[in-house]
Amino acid sequence: MSPRPPLPESRPVLATASPASWPFGKGKHWLNAGPVAQILGGWQINGALTLMTGTPFDIRYSATGLNAPGNTQTANQIAPMQILHGINTGNQWFSTASYAAPATGVFGNVGRNVFSGPGLFGLSASLFKAIQINERVKMELRCESFGITNTPQFSNPGNTLGNASFGYVTGTVGSGSGVNGTGGGRAFQLGAKVSF
């Protein structure tokens, strides 16, 4: 059995949401009268920000020479690892020269999930306005954006010593698109709701 510590229980996450009203329109500081107040007034902006550290990974090596079926082999760390933050082939995420193959029949010395891949940044925003048409009828206009900055969410680097992708981040996280996940790119949706 490979001597490894348990998986980490959690990783640092910052998630925050904030609503704000525009300072325009009736009862507000600026543009509080006239047709411009009717058009620009009453809008509310909401924002949601998510910052997260990357997912954990370890440095692996082929288990062929381990002669222990069912076990995972890790590499030997021979120098301090440097995080270089490179993206795509030719730009390493970490210093690959810090690792070497372990001796045949011996487990490597790298621990389990001791490194983190690229972090995650997500920013979503919405803009909406409630319009009172008469005593009984109210309409709400909405514009929502998910992943408004269109920031790519990169996957972990290749982590198997000896593979061509070792140390390189060559993909993105793709757990859905738009409102259904992370990594699918920017998505907008417009809506109107009438209540009576």
C-alpha atoms as a PDB file:
ATOM      1  CA  MET A   1       0.000   0.000   0.000  1.00  0.00           C
ATOM      2  CA  SER A   2       1.325   3.441  -0.926  1.00  0.00           C
ATOM      3  CA  PRO A   3       2.153   5.595   2.152  1.00  0.00           C
ATOM      4  CA  ARG A   4       0.074   8.713   1.441  1.00  0.00           C
ATOM      5  CA  PRO A   5      -1.819  11.195   3.568  1.00  0.00           C
ATOM      6  CA  PRO A   6      -5.611  11.427   3.141  1.00  0.00           C
ATOM      7  CA  LEU A   7      -7.206  13.791   0.666  1.00  0.00           C
ATOM      8  CA  PRO A   8      -7.498  17.394   1.863  1.00  0.00           C
ATOM      9  CA  GLU A   9     -10.914  18.107   3.331  1.00  0.00           C
ATOM     10  CA  SER A  10     -11.381  21.521   1.761  1.00  0.00           C
ATOM     11  CA  ARG A  11      -9.674  24.214  -0.249  1.00  0.00           C
ATOM     12  CA  PRO A  12      -9.982  27.981   0.266  1.00  0.00           C
ATOM     13  CA  VAL A  13     -13.015  29.445  -1.504  1.00  0.00           C
ATOM     14  CA  LEU A  14     -14.287  33.011  -1.543  1.00  0.00           C
ATOM     15  CA  ALA A  15     -17.838  33.478  -2.777  1.00  0.00           C
ATOM     16  CA  THR A  16     -19.576  36.808  -2.423  1.00  0.00           C
ATOM     17  CA  ALA A  17     -22.702  38.409  -3.812  1.00  0.00           C
ATOM     18  CA  SER A  18     -23.726  42.045  -3.643  1.00  0.00           C
ATOM     19  CA  PRO A  19     -26.849  43.918  -4.728  1.00  0.00           C
ATOM     20  CA  ALA A  20     -26.738  47.658  -5.490  1.00  0.00           C
ATOM     21  CA  SER A  21     -29.301  50.183  -6.705  1.00  0.00           C
ATOM     22  CA  TRP A  22     -28.486  52.836  -9.281  1.00  0.00           C
ATOM     23  CA  PRO A  23     -28.394  56.388  -7.874  1.00  0.00           C
ATOM     24  CA  PHE A  24     -30.775  57.617 -10.603  1.00  0.00           C
ATOM     25  CA  GLY A  25     -34.523  58.135 -10.688  1.00  0.00           C
ATOM     26  CA  LYS A  26     -37.330  59.211  -8.398  1.00  0.00           C
ATOM     27  CA  GLY A  27     -36.162  59.616  -4.797  1.00  0.00           C
ATOM     28  CA  LYS A  28     -32.482  59.200  -5.735  1.00  0.00           C
ATOM     29  CA  HIS A  29     -29.551  61.640  -5.769  1.00  0.00           C
ATOM     30  CA  TRP A  30     -29.193  62.210  -9.543  1.00  0.00           C
ATOM     31  CA  LEU A  31     -31.646  62.521 -12.430  1.00  0.00           C
ATOM     32  CA  ASN A  32     -34.645  62.330 -10.107  1.00  0.00           C
ATOM     33  CA  ALA A  33     -37.254  63.913 -12.403  1.00  0.00           C
ATOM     34  CA  GLY A  34     -38.382  63.803 -16.017  1.00  0.00           C
ATOM     35  CA  PRO A  35     -38.306  61.117 -18.700  1.00  0.00           C
ATOM     36  CA  VAL A  36     -34.619  60.298 -18.126  1.00  0.00           C
ATOM     37  CA  ALA A  37     -35.460  59.485 -14.478  1.00  0.00           C
ATOM     38  CA  GLN A  38     -38.192  57.102 -15.696  1.00  0.00           C
ATOM     39  CA  ILE A  39     -35.801  55.301 -18.051  1.00  0.00           C
ATOM     40  CA  LEU A  40     -32.666  55.151 -15.884  1.00  0.00           C
ATOM     41  CA  GLY A  41     -34.334  54.990 -12.475  1.00  0.00           C
ATOM     42  CA  GLY A  42     -35.278  51.861 -10.550  1.00  0.00           C
ATOM     43  CA  TRP A  43     -32.579  49.555 -11.903  1.00  0.00           C
ATOM     44  CA  GLN A  44     -30.740  47.195  -9.549  1.00  0.00           C
ATOM     45  CA  ILE A  45     -27.382  45.548 -10.192  1.00  0.00           C
ATOM     46  CA  ASN A  46     -26.353  42.248  -8.601  1.00  0.00           C
ATOM     47  CA  GLY A  47     -22.937  40.667  -8.745  1.00  0.00           C
ATOM     48  CA  ALA A  48     -21.560  37.286  -7.688  1.00  0.00           C
ATOM     49  CA  LEU A  49     -17.834  36.605  -7.437  1.00  0.00           C
ATOM     50  CA  THR A  50     -16.215  33.212  -6.872  1.00  0.00           C
ATOM     51  CA  LEU A  51     -12.486  32.754  -6.249  1.00  0.00           C
ATOM     52  CA  MET A  52     -11.143  29.291  -5.584  1.00  0.00           C
ATOM     53  CA  THR A  53      -7.751  27.655  -5.341  1.00  0.00           C
ATOM     54  CA  GLY A  54      -6.968  24.937  -7.861  1.00  0.00           C
ATOM     55  CA  THR A  55      -7.818  21.305  -7.396  1.00  0.00           C
ATOM     56  CA  PRO A  56      -5.160  19.079  -5.831  1.00  0.00           C
ATOM     57  CA  PHE A  57      -2.929  16.737  -7.809  1.00  0.00           C
ATOM     58  CA  ASP A  58       0.140  14.585  -7.249  1.00  0.00           C
ATOM     59  CA  ILE A  59       3.111  13.698  -9.454  1.00  0.00           C
ATOM     60  CA  ARG A  60       2.783  10.160 -10.775  1.00  0.00           C
ATOM     61  CA  TYR A  61       4.971   7.670 -12.525  1.00  0.00           C
ATOM     62  CA  SER A  62       4.237   4.399 -14.336  1.00  0.00           C
ATOM     63  CA  ALA A  63       3.479   1.630 -11.828  1.00  0.00           C
ATOM     64  CA  THR A  64       4.880  -1.063 -14.152  1.00  0.00           C
ATOM     65  CA  GLY A  65       8.163  -1.438 -12.235  1.00  0.00           C
ATOM     66  CA  LEU A  66       6.417  -1.367  -8.856  1.00  0.00           C
ATOM     67  CA  ASN A  67       5.303  -5.021  -9.031  1.00  0.00           C
ATOM     68  CA  ALA A  68       2.369  -4.204  -6.747  1.00  0.00           C
ATOM     69  CA  PRO A  69      -0.907  -4.476  -8.698  1.00  0.00           C
ATOM     70  CA  GLY A  70      -3.610  -1.971  -7.783  1.00  0.00           C
ATOM     71  CA  ASN A  71      -1.210   0.647  -6.426  1.00  0.00           C
ATOM     72  CA  THR A  72      -0.394   4.037  -7.867  1.00  0.00           C
ATOM     73  CA  GLN A  73       3.237   5.015  -8.242  1.00  0.00           C
ATOM     74  CA  THR A  74       4.484   8.528  -7.619  1.00  0.00           C
ATOM     75  CA  ALA A  75       7.720  10.154  -8.743  1.00  0.00           C
ATOM     76  CA  ASN A  76      10.662  11.142  -6.556  1.00  0.00           C
ATOM     77  CA  GLN A  77      11.053  14.825  -5.793  1.00  0.00           C
ATOM     78  CA  ILE A  78      14.743  15.702  -6.180  1.00  0.00           C
ATOM     79  CA  ALA A  79      14.554  19.524  -5.964  1.00  0.00           C
ATOM     80  CA  PRO A  80      12.079  22.133  -4.706  1.00  0.00           C
ATOM     81  CA  MET A  81       9.091  22.527  -7.003  1.00  0.00           C
ATOM     82  CA  GLN A  82       8.613  25.945  -8.577  1.00  0.00           C
ATOM     83  CA  ILE A  83       5.172  27.012  -9.768  1.00  0.00           C
ATOM     84  CA  LEU A  84       5.783  28.806 -13.080  1.00  0.00           C
ATOM     85  CA  HIS A  85       2.080  29.385 -13.978  1.00  0.00           C
ATOM     86  CA  GLY A  86       2.627  28.622 -17.661  1.00  0.00           C
ATOM     87  CA  ILE A  87      -0.317  27.727 -19.874  1.00  0.00           C
ATOM     88  CA  ASN A  88      -0.181  25.498 -22.977  1.00  0.00           C
ATOM     89  CA  THR A  89       2.633  23.427 -24.473  1.00  0.00           C
ATOM     90  CA  GLY A  90       5.995  25.165 -24.223  1.00  0.00           C
ATOM     91  CA  ASN A  91       5.043  26.990 -21.003  1.00  0.00           C
ATOM     92  CA  GLN A  92       5.336  24.724 -17.975  1.00  0.00           C
ATOM     93  CA  TRP A  93       2.962  25.102 -15.018  1.00  0.00           C
ATOM     94  CA  PHE A  94       5.640  23.740 -12.682  1.00  0.00           C
ATOM     95  CA  SER A  95       9.337  22.886 -12.866  1.00  0.00           C
ATOM     96  CA  THR A  96       9.471  19.343 -14.262  1.00  0.00           C
ATOM     97  CA  ALA A  97      13.206  19.042 -13.552  1.00  0.00           C
ATOM     98  CA  SER A  98      12.297  18.754  -9.865  1.00  0.00           C
ATOM     99  CA  TYR A  99      11.226  15.109 -10.378  1.00  0.00           C
ATOM    100  CA  ALA A 100      12.851  11.806 -11.284  1.00  0.00           C
ATOM    101  CA  ALA A 101      11.764   8.191 -11.654  1.00  0.00           C
ATOM    102  CA  PRO A 102      11.915   6.110  -8.467  1.00  0.00           C
ATOM    103  CA  ALA A 103      14.000   2.944  -8.315  1.00  0.00           C
ATOM    104  CA  THR A 104      12.335  -0.265  -9.528  1.00  0.00           C
ATOM    105  CA  GLY A 105      10.192  -1.854  -6.823  1.00  0.00           C
ATOM    106  CA  VAL A 106      10.239   1.238  -4.583  1.00  0.00           C
ATOM    107  CA  PHE A 107       7.447   3.757  -4.010  1.00  0.00           C
ATOM    108  CA  GLY A 108       8.190   7.366  -4.976  1.00  0.00           C
ATOM    109  CA  ASN A 109       8.537  10.018  -2.264  1.00  0.00           C
ATOM    110  CA  VAL A 110       5.941  12.538  -3.530  1.00  0.00           C
ATOM    111  CA  GLY A 111       2.876  12.710  -1.296  1.00  0.00           C
ATOM    112  CA  ARG A 112      -0.715  12.431  -2.398  1.00  0.00           C
ATOM    113  CA  ASN A 113      -2.406  15.586  -3.735  1.00  0.00           C
ATOM    114  CA  VAL A 114       0.226  17.926  -2.304  1.00  0.00           C
ATOM    115  CA  PHE A 115       0.104  20.419  -5.196  1.00  0.00           C
ATOM    116  CA  SER A 116      -2.678  22.612  -6.578  1.00  0.00           C
ATOM    117  CA  GLY A 117      -3.498  23.367 -10.185  1.00  0.00           C
ATOM    118  CA  PRO A 118      -4.752  26.664 -11.625  1.00  0.00           C
ATOM    119  CA  GLY A 119      -7.326  28.523  -9.556  1.00  0.00           C
ATOM    120  CA  LEU A 120     -10.844  29.446 -10.583  1.00  0.00           C
ATOM    121  CA  PHE A 121     -12.282  32.925 -11.095  1.00  0.00           C
ATOM    122  CA  GLY A 122     -15.949  33.443 -11.851  1.00  0.00           C
ATOM    123  CA  LEU A 123     -17.904  36.692 -12.071  1.00  0.00           C
ATOM    124  CA  SER A 124     -21.605  36.859 -12.852  1.00  0.00           C
ATOM    125  CA  ALA A 125     -23.863  39.899 -12.900  1.00  0.00           C
ATOM    126  CA  SER A 126     -27.502  40.781 -13.372  1.00  0.00           C
ATOM    127  CA  LEU A 127     -29.404  43.964 -14.029  1.00  0.00           C
ATOM    128  CA  PHE A 128     -33.133  44.225 -13.412  1.00  0.00           C
ATOM    129  CA  LYS A 129     -35.931  46.741 -13.072  1.00  0.00           C
ATOM    130  CA  ALA A 130     -39.469  46.451 -11.729  1.00  0.00           C
ATOM    131  CA  ILE A 131     -42.009  48.635 -13.541  1.00  0.00           C
ATOM    132  CA  GLN A 132     -45.419  49.270 -11.991  1.00  0.00           C
ATOM    133  CA  ILE A 133     -47.781  49.482 -14.983  1.00  0.00           C
ATOM    134  CA  ASN A 134     -50.950  50.042 -12.936  1.00  0.00           C
ATOM    135  CA  GLU A 135     -52.347  49.050  -9.518  1.00  0.00           C
ATOM    136  CA  ARG A 136     -52.514  45.357 -10.347  1.00  0.00           C
ATOM    137  CA  VAL A 137     -49.936  44.826 -13.079  1.00  0.00           C
ATOM    138  CA  LYS A 138     -46.176  44.869 -12.567  1.00  0.00           C
ATOM    139  CA  MET A 139     -43.454  43.950 -15.067  1.00  0.00           C
ATOM    140  CA  GLU A 140     -39.870  42.968 -14.308  1.00  0.00           C
ATOM    141  CA  LEU A 141     -37.115  43.245 -16.923  1.00  0.00           C
ATOM    142  CA  ARG A 142     -33.935  41.206 -16.424  1.00  0.00           C
ATOM    143  CA  CYS A 143     -30.548  40.882 -18.090  1.00  0.00           C
ATOM    144  CA  GLU A 144     -28.214  38.253 -16.623  1.00  0.00           C
ATOM    145  CA  SER A 145     -24.668  37.337 -17.507  1.00  0.00           C
ATOM    146  CA  PHE A 146     -22.783  34.270 -16.333  1.00  0.00           C
ATOM    147  CA  GLY A 147     -19.005  34.277 -16.675  1.00  0.00           C
ATOM    148  CA  ILE A 148     -19.119  37.936 -17.685  1.00  0.00           C
ATOM    149  CA  THR A 149     -15.313  38.274 -17.976  1.00  0.00           C
ATOM    150  CA  ASN A 150     -15.096  35.154 -20.178  1.00  0.00           C
ATOM    151  CA  THR A 151     -12.107  34.016 -18.112  1.00  0.00           C
ATOM    152  CA  PRO A 152     -10.960  30.491 -19.028  1.00  0.00           C
ATOM    153  CA  GLN A 153     -10.897  27.990 -16.170  1.00  0.00           C
ATOM    154  CA  PHE A 154      -7.828  25.837 -16.759  1.00  0.00           C
ATOM    155  CA  SER A 155      -7.568  22.194 -15.779  1.00  0.00           C
ATOM    156  CA  ASN A 156      -4.685  20.641 -13.851  1.00  0.00           C
ATOM    157  CA  PRO A 157      -1.348  20.142 -15.589  1.00  0.00           C
ATOM    158  CA  GLY A 158      -0.252  16.765 -16.889  1.00  0.00           C
ATOM    159  CA  ASN A 159       1.019  14.963 -13.804  1.00  0.00           C
ATOM    160  CA  THR A 160       2.628  11.734 -15.052  1.00  0.00           C
ATOM    161  CA  LEU A 161       6.416  11.844 -15.307  1.00  0.00           C
ATOM    162  CA  GLY A 162       7.489  10.611 -18.746  1.00  0.00           C
ATOM    163  CA  ASN A 163       4.350  11.717 -20.618  1.00  0.00           C
ATOM    164  CA  ALA A 164       4.674  14.440 -23.270  1.00  0.00           C
ATOM    165  CA  SER A 165       2.154  16.622 -21.389  1.00  0.00           C
ATOM    166  CA  PHE A 166       3.986  16.365 -18.043  1.00  0.00           C
ATOM    167  CA  GLY A 167       3.985  19.792 -16.390  1.00  0.00           C
ATOM    168  CA  TYR A 168       1.807  21.460 -19.034  1.00  0.00           C
ATOM    169  CA  VAL A 169      -1.733  22.811 -18.711  1.00  0.00           C
ATOM    170  CA  THR A 170      -3.356  21.959 -22.031  1.00  0.00           C
ATOM    171  CA  GLY A 171      -7.079  22.002 -21.300  1.00  0.00           C
ATOM    172  CA  THR A 172      -9.905  23.781 -19.578  1.00  0.00           C
ATOM    173  CA  VAL A 173     -12.466  22.684 -17.034  1.00  0.00           C
ATOM    174  CA  GLY A 174     -15.674  21.954 -18.892  1.00  0.00           C
ATOM    175  CA  SER A 175     -18.387  21.069 -16.412  1.00  0.00           C
ATOM    176  CA  GLY A 176     -21.155  22.623 -18.477  1.00  0.00           C
ATOM    177  CA  SER A 177     -21.833  25.804 -20.336  1.00  0.00           C
ATOM    178  CA  GLY A 178     -23.269  29.158 -19.421  1.00  0.00           C
ATOM    179  CA  VAL A 179     -25.656  28.964 -16.508  1.00  0.00           C
ATOM    180  CA  ASN A 180     -25.207  25.195 -16.201  1.00  0.00           C
ATOM    181  CA  GLY A 181     -21.579  24.994 -15.160  1.00  0.00           C
ATOM    182  CA  THR A 182     -18.081  26.372 -15.015  1.00  0.00           C
ATOM    183  CA  GLY A 183     -15.748  26.786 -17.928  1.00  0.00           C
ATOM    184  CA  GLY A 184     -18.305  27.036 -20.697  1.00  0.00           C
ATOM    185  CA  GLY A 185     -17.640  30.672 -21.551  1.00  0.00           C
ATOM    186  CA  ARG A 186     -19.764  33.800 -21.231  1.00  0.00           C
ATOM    187  CA  ALA A 187     -23.554  33.478 -21.436  1.00  0.00           C
ATOM    188  CA  PHE A 188     -26.282  36.124 -21.448  1.00  0.00           C
ATOM    189  CA  GLN A 189     -29.983  35.738 -20.934  1.00  0.00           C
ATOM    190  CA  LEU A 190     -32.769  38.283 -21.155  1.00  0.00           C
ATOM    191  CA  GLY A 191     -36.167  37.962 -19.566  1.00  0.00           C
ATOM    192  CA  ALA A 192     -39.404  39.731 -18.762  1.00  0.00           C
ATOM    193  CA  LYS A 193     -41.980  38.740 -16.157  1.00  0.00           C
ATOM    194  CA  VAL A 194     -45.470  40.166 -15.827  1.00  0.00           C
ATOM    195  CA  SER A 195     -47.270  39.839 -12.478  1.00  0.00           C
ATOM    196  CA  PHE A 196     -50.964  40.641 -12.041  1.00  0.00           C
END
